[in-house]
Amino acid sequence: MKKVRITAVRQTVYDDLMALYENPIEHTCDVRVGEQWISVDGQRPEGLCESAWESMRPFVEPLSRGEGNFYDGWMKDPMSAMISCNDGFRPFSFYIEALD
């Protein structure tokens, strides 16, 4: 199986939506732009947010098996994907790529 690198590339914050809908919370996401993890055998890397993992797992698992080309040519590199976590107020975008 291939290793898969997961890189946090960008976070978007929707202050207007948080003001309208979210109860104030003290602690949110620990992910930082540029942070990387390596998935081995399609498993969630230690330290990666479990909620973010659930969003990207359907892409990491096939990449770890050498499968790719999601949505028939969506990505320039067919052995990669760009996935966002499911936080509607401050989503992170992750670049996921199979390693040789």
PDB file of N, CA and C in Angstrom:
ATOM      1  N   MET A   1       0.833  -1.191   0.000  1.00  0.00           N
ATOM      2  CA  MET A   1       0.000   0.000   0.000  1.00  0.00           C
ATOM      3  C   MET A   1       0.872   1.246   0.000  1.00  0.00           C
ATOM      4  N   LYS A   2       0.339   2.302  -0.580  1.00  0.00           N
ATOM      5  CA  LYS A   2       1.045   3.576  -0.640  1.00  0.00           C
ATOM      6  C   LYS A   2       0.791   4.380   0.629  1.00  0.00           C
ATOM      7  N   LYS A   3       1.763   5.186   0.991  1.00  0.00           N
ATOM      8  CA  LYS A   3       1.555   6.178   2.045  1.00  0.00           C
ATOM      9  C   LYS A   3       0.864   7.367   1.393  1.00  0.00           C
ATOM     10  N   VAL A   4       0.084   8.088   2.178  1.00  0.00           N
ATOM     11  CA  VAL A   4      -0.632   9.255   1.683  1.00  0.00           C
ATOM     12  C   VAL A   4      -0.294  10.443   2.576  1.00  0.00           C
ATOM     13  N   ARG A   5       0.186  11.514   1.940  1.00  0.00           N
ATOM     14  CA  ARG A   5       0.501  12.727   2.694  1.00  0.00           C
ATOM     15  C   ARG A   5      -0.728  13.629   2.698  1.00  0.00           C
ATOM     16  N   ILE A   6      -1.016  14.185   3.866  1.00  0.00           N
ATOM     17  CA  ILE A   6      -2.137  15.095   4.068  1.00  0.00           C
ATOM     18  C   ILE A   6      -1.547  16.424   4.532  1.00  0.00           C
ATOM     19  N   THR A   7      -1.817  17.491   3.778  1.00  0.00           N
ATOM     20  CA  THR A   7      -1.272  18.806   4.104  1.00  0.00           C
ATOM     21  C   THR A   7      -2.404  19.800   4.301  1.00  0.00           C
ATOM     22  N   ALA A   8      -2.391  20.494   5.426  1.00  0.00           N
ATOM     23  CA  ALA A   8      -3.366  21.564   5.688  1.00  0.00           C
ATOM     24  C   ALA A   8      -2.908  22.789   4.901  1.00  0.00           C
ATOM     25  N   VAL A   9      -3.711  23.211   3.914  1.00  0.00           N
ATOM     26  CA  VAL A   9      -3.264  24.294   3.039  1.00  0.00           C
ATOM     27  C   VAL A   9      -3.955  25.631   3.286  1.00  0.00           C
ATOM     28  N   ARG A  10      -5.170  25.625   3.793  1.00  0.00           N
ATOM     29  CA  ARG A  10      -5.865  26.897   3.999  1.00  0.00           C
ATOM     30  C   ARG A  10      -7.045  26.715   4.949  1.00  0.00           C
ATOM     31  N   GLN A  11      -7.290  27.753   5.730  1.00  0.00           N
ATOM     32  CA  GLN A  11      -8.485  27.781   6.568  1.00  0.00           C
ATOM     33  C   GLN A  11      -9.286  29.025   6.212  1.00  0.00           C
ATOM     34  N   THR A  12     -10.575  28.836   6.103  1.00  0.00           N
ATOM     35  CA  THR A  12     -11.496  29.946   5.883  1.00  0.00           C
ATOM     36  C   THR A  12     -12.328  30.104   7.146  1.00  0.00           C
ATOM     37  N   VAL A  13     -12.562  31.349   7.538  1.00  0.00           N
ATOM     38  CA  VAL A  13     -13.343  31.609   8.742  1.00  0.00           C
ATOM     39  C   VAL A  13     -14.521  32.504   8.363  1.00  0.00           C
ATOM     40  N   TYR A  14     -15.702  32.048   8.713  1.00  0.00           N
ATOM     41  CA  TYR A  14     -16.929  32.784   8.420  1.00  0.00           C
ATOM     42  C   TYR A  14     -17.456  33.427   9.696  1.00  0.00           C
ATOM     43  N   ASP A  15     -16.896  34.589  10.032  1.00  0.00           N
ATOM     44  CA  ASP A  15     -17.294  35.292  11.255  1.00  0.00           C
ATOM     45  C   ASP A  15     -18.774  35.637  11.259  1.00  0.00           C
ATOM     46  N   ASP A  16     -19.310  35.988  10.089  1.00  0.00           N
ATOM     47  CA  ASP A  16     -20.728  36.356  10.025  1.00  0.00           C
ATOM     48  C   ASP A  16     -21.625  35.175  10.389  1.00  0.00           C
ATOM     49  N   LEU A  17     -21.279  33.979   9.909  1.00  0.00           N
ATOM     50  CA  LEU A  17     -22.077  32.794  10.240  1.00  0.00           C
ATOM     51  C   LEU A  17     -21.921  32.416  11.706  1.00  0.00           C
ATOM     52  N   MET A  18     -20.705  32.557  12.233  1.00  0.00           N
ATOM     53  CA  MET A  18     -20.493  32.260  13.652  1.00  0.00           C
ATOM     54  C   MET A  18     -21.328  33.196  14.510  1.00  0.00           C
ATOM     55  N   ALA A  19     -21.386  34.480  14.147  1.00  0.00           N
ATOM     56  CA  ALA A  19     -22.163  35.450  14.919  1.00  0.00           C
ATOM     57  C   ALA A  19     -23.652  35.122  14.884  1.00  0.00           C
ATOM     58  N   LEU A  20     -24.114  34.627  13.763  1.00  0.00           N
ATOM     59  CA  LEU A  20     -25.533  34.310  13.619  1.00  0.00           C
ATOM     60  C   LEU A  20     -25.949  33.007  14.281  1.00  0.00           C
ATOM     61  N   TYR A  21     -25.093  31.971  14.194  1.00  0.00           N
ATOM     62  CA  TYR A  21     -25.546  30.626  14.528  1.00  0.00           C
ATOM     63  C   TYR A  21     -24.774  29.882  15.605  1.00  0.00           C
ATOM     64  N   GLU A  22     -23.544  30.268  15.867  1.00  0.00           N
ATOM     65  CA  GLU A  22     -22.721  29.459  16.765  1.00  0.00           C
ATOM     66  C   GLU A  22     -22.727  30.016  18.182  1.00  0.00           C
ATOM     67  N   ASN A  23     -22.861  29.127  19.141  1.00  0.00           N
ATOM     68  CA  ASN A  23     -22.661  29.514  20.529  1.00  0.00           C
ATOM     69  C   ASN A  23     -21.169  29.759  20.736  1.00  0.00           C
ATOM     70  N   PRO A  24     -20.814  30.734  21.548  1.00  0.00           N
ATOM     71  CA  PRO A  24     -19.389  30.989  21.798  1.00  0.00           C
ATOM     72  C   PRO A  24     -18.706  29.751  22.372  1.00  0.00           C
ATOM     73  N   ILE A  25     -17.541  29.430  21.833  1.00  0.00           N
ATOM     74  CA  ILE A  25     -16.743  28.315  22.344  1.00  0.00           C
ATOM     75  C   ILE A  25     -15.306  28.796  22.510  1.00  0.00           C
ATOM     76  N   GLU A  26     -14.628  28.238  23.491  1.00  0.00           N
ATOM     77  CA  GLU A  26     -13.270  28.669  23.782  1.00  0.00           C
ATOM     78  C   GLU A  26     -12.233  27.980  22.915  1.00  0.00           C
ATOM     79  N   HIS A  27     -12.436  26.719  22.614  1.00  0.00           N
ATOM     80  CA  HIS A  27     -11.422  25.960  21.879  1.00  0.00           C
ATOM     81  C   HIS A  27     -12.023  25.386  20.606  1.00  0.00           C
ATOM     82  N   THR A  28     -11.358  25.641  19.498  1.00  0.00           N
ATOM     83  CA  THR A  28     -11.822  25.055  18.236  1.00  0.00           C
ATOM     84  C   THR A  28     -10.738  24.135  17.690  1.00  0.00           C
ATOM     85  N   CYS A  29     -10.357  24.329  16.495  1.00  0.00           N
ATOM     86  CA  CYS A  29      -9.438  23.437  15.785  1.00  0.00           C
ATOM     87  C   CYS A  29      -7.977  23.695  16.151  1.00  0.00           C
ATOM     88  N   ASP A  30      -7.201  22.614  16.267  1.00  0.00           N
ATOM     89  CA  ASP A  30      -5.766  22.723  16.547  1.00  0.00           C
ATOM     90  C   ASP A  30      -4.915  22.683  15.284  1.00  0.00           C
ATOM     91  N   VAL A  31      -5.519  22.467  14.126  1.00  0.00           N
ATOM     92  CA  VAL A  31      -4.776  22.362  12.872  1.00  0.00           C
ATOM     93  C   VAL A  31      -4.187  23.719  12.502  1.00  0.00           C
ATOM     94  N   ARG A  32      -3.003  23.703  11.925  1.00  0.00           N
ATOM     95  CA  ARG A  32      -2.325  24.916  11.482  1.00  0.00           C
ATOM     96  C   ARG A  32      -1.944  24.766  10.008  1.00  0.00           C
ATOM     97  N   VAL A  33      -2.016  25.870   9.270  1.00  0.00           N
ATOM     98  CA  VAL A  33      -1.623  25.869   7.856  1.00  0.00           C
ATOM     99  C   VAL A  33      -0.188  25.355   7.740  1.00  0.00           C
ATOM    100  N   GLY A  34       0.024  24.457   6.793  1.00  0.00           N
ATOM    101  CA  GLY A  34       1.348  23.865   6.560  1.00  0.00           C
ATOM    102  C   GLY A  34       1.586  22.573   7.312  1.00  0.00           C
ATOM    103  N   GLU A  35       0.762  22.275   8.275  1.00  0.00           N
ATOM    104  CA  GLU A  35       0.919  21.040   9.046  1.00  0.00           C
ATOM    105  C   GLU A  35       0.703  19.837   8.126  1.00  0.00           C
ATOM    106  N   GLN A  36       1.469  18.782   8.341  1.00  0.00           N
ATOM    107  CA  GLN A  36       1.368  17.578   7.513  1.00  0.00           C
ATOM    108  C   GLN A  36       1.284  16.329   8.366  1.00  0.00           C
ATOM    109  N   TRP A  37       0.625  15.326   7.791  1.00  0.00           N
ATOM    110  CA  TRP A  37       0.513  13.999   8.392  1.00  0.00           C
ATOM    111  C   TRP A  37       0.722  12.983   7.289  1.00  0.00           C
ATOM    112  N   ILE A  38       1.138  11.786   7.673  1.00  0.00           N
ATOM    113  CA  ILE A  38       1.274  10.673   6.726  1.00  0.00           C
ATOM    114  C   ILE A  38       0.332   9.563   7.167  1.00  0.00           C
ATOM    115  N   SER A  39      -0.543   9.175   6.252  1.00  0.00           N
ATOM    116  CA  SER A  39      -1.421   8.033   6.491  1.00  0.00           C
ATOM    117  C   SER A  39      -0.707   6.781   6.001  1.00  0.00           C
ATOM    118  N   VAL A  40      -0.627   5.788   6.860  1.00  0.00           N
ATOM    119  CA  VAL A  40      -0.010   4.504   6.520  1.00  0.00           C
ATOM    120  C   VAL A  40      -1.124   3.461   6.471  1.00  0.00           C
ATOM    121  N   ASP A  41      -1.167   2.718   5.388  1.00  0.00           N
ATOM    122  CA  ASP A  41      -2.190   1.676   5.204  1.00  0.00           C
ATOM    123  C   ASP A  41      -3.614   2.233   5.262  1.00  0.00           C
ATOM    124  N   GLY A  42      -3.787   3.491   4.841  1.00  0.00           N
ATOM    125  CA  GLY A  42      -5.119   4.080   4.793  1.00  0.00           C
ATOM    126  C   GLY A  42      -5.716   4.402   6.145  1.00  0.00           C
ATOM    127  N   GLN A  43      -4.882   4.455   7.181  1.00  0.00           N
ATOM    128  CA  GLN A  43      -5.362   4.707   8.540  1.00  0.00           C
ATOM    129  C   GLN A  43      -5.214   6.187   8.911  1.00  0.00           C
ATOM    130  N   ARG A  44      -6.029   6.643   9.845  1.00  0.00           N
ATOM    131  CA  ARG A  44      -5.952   8.024  10.311  1.00  0.00           C
ATOM    132  C   ARG A  44      -4.632   8.244  11.037  1.00  0.00           C
ATOM    133  N   PRO A  45      -3.876   9.242  10.612  1.00  0.00           N
ATOM    134  CA  PRO A  45      -2.620   9.540  11.300  1.00  0.00           C
ATOM    135  C   PRO A  45      -2.871  10.096  12.693  1.00  0.00           C
ATOM    136  N   GLU A  46      -1.986   9.762  13.607  1.00  0.00           N
ATOM    137  CA  GLU A  46      -2.083  10.281  14.966  1.00  0.00           C
ATOM    138  C   GLU A  46      -2.004  11.800  14.931  1.00  0.00           C
ATOM    139  N   GLY A  47      -2.873  12.444  15.677  1.00  0.00           N
ATOM    140  CA  GLY A  47      -2.865  13.891  15.770  1.00  0.00           C
ATOM    141  C   GLY A  47      -3.756  14.598  14.761  1.00  0.00           C
ATOM    142  N   LEU A  48      -4.290  13.862  13.808  1.00  0.00           N
ATOM    143  CA  LEU A  48      -5.184  14.474  12.825  1.00  0.00           C
ATOM    144  C   LEU A  48      -6.602  14.485  13.384  1.00  0.00           C
ATOM    145  N   CYS A  49      -7.252  15.615  13.277  1.00  0.00           N
ATOM    146  CA  CYS A  49      -8.623  15.785  13.763  1.00  0.00           C
ATOM    147  C   CYS A  49      -9.531  14.673  13.233  1.00  0.00           C
ATOM    148  N   GLU A  50     -10.243  14.030  14.136  1.00  0.00           N
ATOM    149  CA  GLU A  50     -11.109  12.916  13.754  1.00  0.00           C
ATOM    150  C   GLU A  50     -12.231  13.361  12.818  1.00  0.00           C
ATOM    151  N   SER A  51     -12.769  14.535  13.047  1.00  0.00           N
ATOM    152  CA  SER A  51     -13.830  15.053  12.191  1.00  0.00           C
ATOM    153  C   SER A  51     -13.307  15.325  10.774  1.00  0.00           C
ATOM    154  N   ALA A  52     -12.129  15.929  10.669  1.00  0.00           N
ATOM    155  CA  ALA A  52     -11.519  16.163   9.354  1.00  0.00           C
ATOM    156  C   ALA A  52     -11.240  14.827   8.662  1.00  0.00           C
ATOM    157  N   TRP A  53     -10.781  13.847   9.435  1.00  0.00           N
ATOM    158  CA  TRP A  53     -10.496  12.527   8.879  1.00  0.00           C
ATOM    159  C   TRP A  53     -11.735  11.923   8.225  1.00  0.00           C
ATOM    160  N   GLU A  54     -12.866  12.066   8.863  1.00  0.00           N
ATOM    161  CA  GLU A  54     -14.092  11.486   8.307  1.00  0.00           C
ATOM    162  C   GLU A  54     -14.441  12.109   6.957  1.00  0.00           C
ATOM    163  N   SER A  55     -14.068  13.360   6.742  1.00  0.00           N
ATOM    164  CA  SER A  55     -14.311  14.009   5.454  1.00  0.00           C
ATOM    165  C   SER A  55     -13.353  13.503   4.377  1.00  0.00           C
ATOM    166  N   MET A  56     -12.125  13.198   4.751  1.00  0.00           N
ATOM    167  CA  MET A  56     -11.122  12.829   3.749  1.00  0.00           C
ATOM    168  C   MET A  56     -10.906  11.321   3.609  1.00  0.00           C
ATOM    169  N   ARG A  57     -11.365  10.541   4.556  1.00  0.00           N
ATOM    170  CA  ARG A  57     -11.140   9.093   4.526  1.00  0.00           C
ATOM    171  C   ARG A  57     -11.581   8.438   3.214  1.00  0.00           C
ATOM    172  N   PRO A  58     -12.743   8.831   2.628  1.00  0.00           N
ATOM    173  CA  PRO A  58     -13.151   8.190   1.371  1.00  0.00           C
ATOM    174  C   PRO A  58     -12.198   8.454   0.201  1.00  0.00           C
ATOM    175  N   PHE A  59     -11.255   9.378   0.377  1.00  0.00           N
ATOM    176  CA  PHE A  59     -10.256   9.650  -0.648  1.00  0.00           C
ATOM    177  C   PHE A  59      -8.901   9.055  -0.267  1.00  0.00           C
ATOM    178  N   VAL A  60      -8.563   9.102   1.008  1.00  0.00           N
ATOM    179  CA  VAL A  60      -7.276   8.572   1.470  1.00  0.00           C
ATOM    180  C   VAL A  60      -7.219   7.061   1.266  1.00  0.00           C
ATOM    181  N   GLU A  61      -8.269   6.362   1.632  1.00  0.00           N
ATOM    182  CA  GLU A  61      -8.251   4.899   1.517  1.00  0.00           C
ATOM    183  C   GLU A  61      -8.012   4.436   0.081  1.00  0.00           C
ATOM    184  N   PRO A  62      -8.724   4.948  -0.935  1.00  0.00           N
ATOM    185  CA  PRO A  62      -8.429   4.520  -2.302  1.00  0.00           C
ATOM    186  C   PRO A  62      -7.021   4.922  -2.756  1.00  0.00           C
ATOM    187  N   LEU A  63      -6.574   6.125  -2.386  1.00  0.00           N
ATOM    188  CA  LEU A  63      -5.217   6.535  -2.765  1.00  0.00           C
ATOM    189  C   LEU A  63      -4.183   5.583  -2.179  1.00  0.00           C
ATOM    190  N   SER A  64      -4.406   5.119  -0.960  1.00  0.00           N
ATOM    191  CA  SER A  64      -3.448   4.202  -0.333  1.00  0.00           C
ATOM    192  C   SER A  64      -3.391   2.859  -1.067  1.00  0.00           C
ATOM    193  N   ARG A  65      -4.470   2.525  -1.778  1.00  0.00           N
ATOM    194  CA  ARG A  65      -4.511   1.283  -2.567  1.00  0.00           C
ATOM    195  C   ARG A  65      -4.031   1.495  -3.999  1.00  0.00           C
ATOM    196  N   GLY A  66      -3.582   2.707  -4.311  1.00  0.00           N
ATOM    197  CA  GLY A  66      -3.107   2.996  -5.657  1.00  0.00           C
ATOM    198  C   GLY A  66      -4.212   3.404  -6.613  1.00  0.00           C
ATOM    199  N   GLU A  67      -5.391   3.654  -6.077  1.00  0.00           N
ATOM    200  CA  GLU A  67      -6.515   4.092  -6.906  1.00  0.00           C
ATOM    201  C   GLU A  67      -6.585   5.616  -6.870  1.00  0.00           C
ATOM    202  N   GLY A  68      -7.134   6.215  -7.902  1.00  0.00           N
ATOM    203  CA  GLY A  68      -7.238   7.668  -7.944  1.00  0.00           C
ATOM    204  C   GLY A  68      -8.164   8.095  -9.056  1.00  0.00           C
ATOM    205  N   ASN A  69      -7.825   9.212  -9.691  1.00  0.00           N
ATOM    206  CA  ASN A  69      -8.616   9.780 -10.774  1.00  0.00           C
ATOM    207  C   ASN A  69     -10.076   9.966 -10.364  1.00  0.00           C
ATOM    208  N   PHE A  70     -10.258  10.615  -9.225  1.00  0.00           N
ATOM    209  CA  PHE A  70     -11.605  10.864  -8.713  1.00  0.00           C
ATOM    210  C   PHE A  70     -12.382  11.765  -9.664  1.00  0.00           C
ATOM    211  N   TYR A  71     -13.629  11.457  -9.838  1.00  0.00           N
ATOM    212  CA  TYR A  71     -14.539  12.255 -10.660  1.00  0.00           C
ATOM    213  C   TYR A  71     -14.012  12.476 -12.073  1.00  0.00           C
ATOM    214  N   ASP A  72     -13.337  11.449 -12.595  1.00  0.00           N
ATOM    215  CA  ASP A  72     -12.919  11.426 -14.005  1.00  0.00           C
ATOM    216  C   ASP A  72     -12.122  12.659 -14.422  1.00  0.00           C
ATOM    217  N   GLY A  73     -11.009  12.886 -13.744  1.00  0.00           N
ATOM    218  CA  GLY A  73     -10.104  13.953 -14.144  1.00  0.00           C
ATOM    219  C   GLY A  73     -10.237  15.250 -13.369  1.00  0.00           C
ATOM    220  N   TRP A  74     -10.810  15.208 -12.195  1.00  0.00           N
ATOM    221  CA  TRP A  74     -11.019  16.389 -11.359  1.00  0.00           C
ATOM    222  C   TRP A  74      -9.705  17.094 -11.019  1.00  0.00           C
ATOM    223  N   MET A  75      -8.689  16.340 -10.622  1.00  0.00           N
ATOM    224  CA  MET A  75      -7.423  16.923 -10.174  1.00  0.00           C
ATOM    225  C   MET A  75      -6.364  16.831 -11.262  1.00  0.00           C
ATOM    226  N   LYS A  76      -5.460  17.823 -11.319  1.00  0.00           N
ATOM    227  CA  LYS A  76      -4.337  17.781 -12.263  1.00  0.00           C
ATOM    228  C   LYS A  76      -3.494  16.537 -12.020  1.00  0.00           C
ATOM    229  N   ASP A  77      -3.236  16.246 -10.739  1.00  0.00           N
ATOM    230  CA  ASP A  77      -2.557  15.005 -10.363  1.00  0.00           C
ATOM    231  C   ASP A  77      -3.644  14.001  -9.995  1.00  0.00           C
ATOM    232  N   PRO A  78      -3.854  12.977 -10.821  1.00  0.00           N
ATOM    233  CA  PRO A  78      -4.945  12.039 -10.548  1.00  0.00           C
ATOM    234  C   PRO A  78      -4.790  11.245  -9.253  1.00  0.00           C
ATOM    235  N   MET A  79      -3.603  11.267  -8.675  1.00  0.00           N
ATOM    236  CA  MET A  79      -3.376  10.560  -7.416  1.00  0.00           C
ATOM    237  C   MET A  79      -3.413  11.538  -6.243  1.00  0.00           C
ATOM    238  N   SER A  80      -4.345  12.490  -6.312  1.00  0.00           N
ATOM    239  CA  SER A  80      -4.488  13.485  -5.251  1.00  0.00           C
ATOM    240  C   SER A  80      -5.944  13.920  -5.140  1.00  0.00           C
ATOM    241  N   ALA A  81      -6.221  14.691  -4.087  1.00  0.00           N
ATOM    242  CA  ALA A  81      -7.558  15.274  -3.887  1.00  0.00           C
ATOM    243  C   ALA A  81      -7.411  16.504  -2.999  1.00  0.00           C
ATOM    244  N   MET A  82      -8.330  17.442  -3.145  1.00  0.00           N
ATOM    245  CA  MET A  82      -8.409  18.608  -2.263  1.00  0.00           C
ATOM    246  C   MET A  82      -9.733  18.497  -1.525  1.00  0.00           C
ATOM    247  N   ILE A  83      -9.665  18.331  -0.212  1.00  0.00           N
ATOM    248  CA  ILE A  83     -10.839  18.049   0.599  1.00  0.00           C
ATOM    249  C   ILE A  83     -10.909  19.049   1.745  1.00  0.00           C
ATOM    250  N   SER A  84     -12.101  19.488   2.078  1.00  0.00           N
ATOM    251  CA  SER A  84     -12.295  20.370   3.232  1.00  0.00           C
ATOM    252  C   SER A  84     -12.946  19.590   4.363  1.00  0.00           C
ATOM    253  N   CYS A  85     -12.612  19.967   5.578  1.00  0.00           N
ATOM    254  CA  CYS A  85     -13.270  19.357   6.721  1.00  0.00           C
ATOM    255  C   CYS A  85     -14.714  19.850   6.781  1.00  0.00           C
ATOM    256  N   ASN A  86     -15.484  19.275   7.659  1.00  0.00           N
ATOM    257  CA  ASN A  86     -16.920  19.568   7.687  1.00  0.00           C
ATOM    258  C   ASN A  86     -17.320  20.654   8.685  1.00  0.00           C
ATOM    259  N   ASP A  87     -16.380  21.470   9.130  1.00  0.00           N
ATOM    260  CA  ASP A  87     -16.702  22.588  10.017  1.00  0.00           C
ATOM    261  C   ASP A  87     -17.259  23.723   9.159  1.00  0.00           C
ATOM    262  N   GLY A  88     -18.534  24.000   9.265  1.00  0.00           N
ATOM    263  CA  GLY A  88     -19.169  25.015   8.442  1.00  0.00           C
ATOM    264  C   GLY A  88     -18.803  26.440   8.813  1.00  0.00           C
ATOM    265  N   PHE A  89     -18.172  26.649   9.966  1.00  0.00           N
ATOM    266  CA  PHE A  89     -17.792  27.985  10.402  1.00  0.00           C
ATOM    267  C   PHE A  89     -16.333  28.322  10.119  1.00  0.00           C
ATOM    268  N   ARG A  90     -15.448  27.327  10.168  1.00  0.00           N
ATOM    269  CA  ARG A  90     -14.011  27.562   9.973  1.00  0.00           C
ATOM    270  C   ARG A  90     -13.365  26.360   9.282  1.00  0.00           C
ATOM    271  N   PRO A  91     -13.822  26.025   8.070  1.00  0.00           N
ATOM    272  CA  PRO A  91     -13.303  24.822   7.398  1.00  0.00           C
ATOM    273  C   PRO A  91     -11.840  24.958   6.989  1.00  0.00           C
ATOM    274  N   PHE A  92     -11.140  23.853   7.104  1.00  0.00           N
ATOM    275  CA  PHE A  92      -9.773  23.736   6.620  1.00  0.00           C
ATOM    276  C   PHE A  92      -9.791  22.970   5.311  1.00  0.00           C
ATOM    277  N   SER A  93      -8.960  23.384   4.367  1.00  0.00           N
ATOM    278  CA  SER A  93      -8.771  22.635   3.120  1.00  0.00           C
ATOM    279  C   SER A  93      -7.476  21.846   3.246  1.00  0.00           C
ATOM    280  N   PHE A  94      -7.553  20.584   2.824  1.00  0.00           N
ATOM    281  CA  PHE A  94      -6.422  19.667   2.908  1.00  0.00           C
ATOM    282  C   PHE A  94      -6.092  19.133   1.516  1.00  0.00           C
ATOM    283  N   TYR A  95      -4.797  19.169   1.172  1.00  0.00           N
ATOM    284  CA  TYR A  95      -4.337  18.538  -0.061  1.00  0.00           C
ATOM    285  C   TYR A  95      -3.861  17.142   0.311  1.00  0.00           C
ATOM    286  N   ILE A  96      -4.401  16.166  -0.370  1.00  0.00           N
ATOM    287  CA  ILE A  96      -4.121  14.760  -0.084  1.00  0.00           C
ATOM    288  C   ILE A  96      -3.441  14.159  -1.299  1.00  0.00           C
ATOM    289  N   GLU A  97      -2.289  13.507  -1.109  1.00  0.00           N
ATOM    290  CA  GLU A  97      -1.548  12.970  -2.253  1.00  0.00           C
ATOM    291  C   GLU A  97      -0.899  11.634  -1.915  1.00  0.00           C
ATOM    292  N   ALA A  98      -1.006  10.715  -2.857  1.00  0.00           N
ATOM    293  CA  ALA A  98      -0.335   9.428  -2.704  1.00  0.00           C
ATOM    294  C   ALA A  98       1.167   9.628  -2.904  1.00  0.00           C
ATOM    295  N   LEU A  99       1.951   8.950  -2.091  1.00  0.00           N
ATOM    296  CA  LEU A  99       3.413   9.006  -2.217  1.00  0.00           C
ATOM    297  C   LEU A  99       3.885   7.719  -2.875  1.00  0.00           C
ATOM    298  N   ASP A 100       4.960   7.837  -3.618  1.00  0.00           N
ATOM    299  CA  ASP A 100       5.523   6.644  -4.287  1.00  0.00           C
ATOM    300  C   ASP A 100       6.190   5.720  -3.311  1.00  0.00           C
TER     301      ASP A 100
END
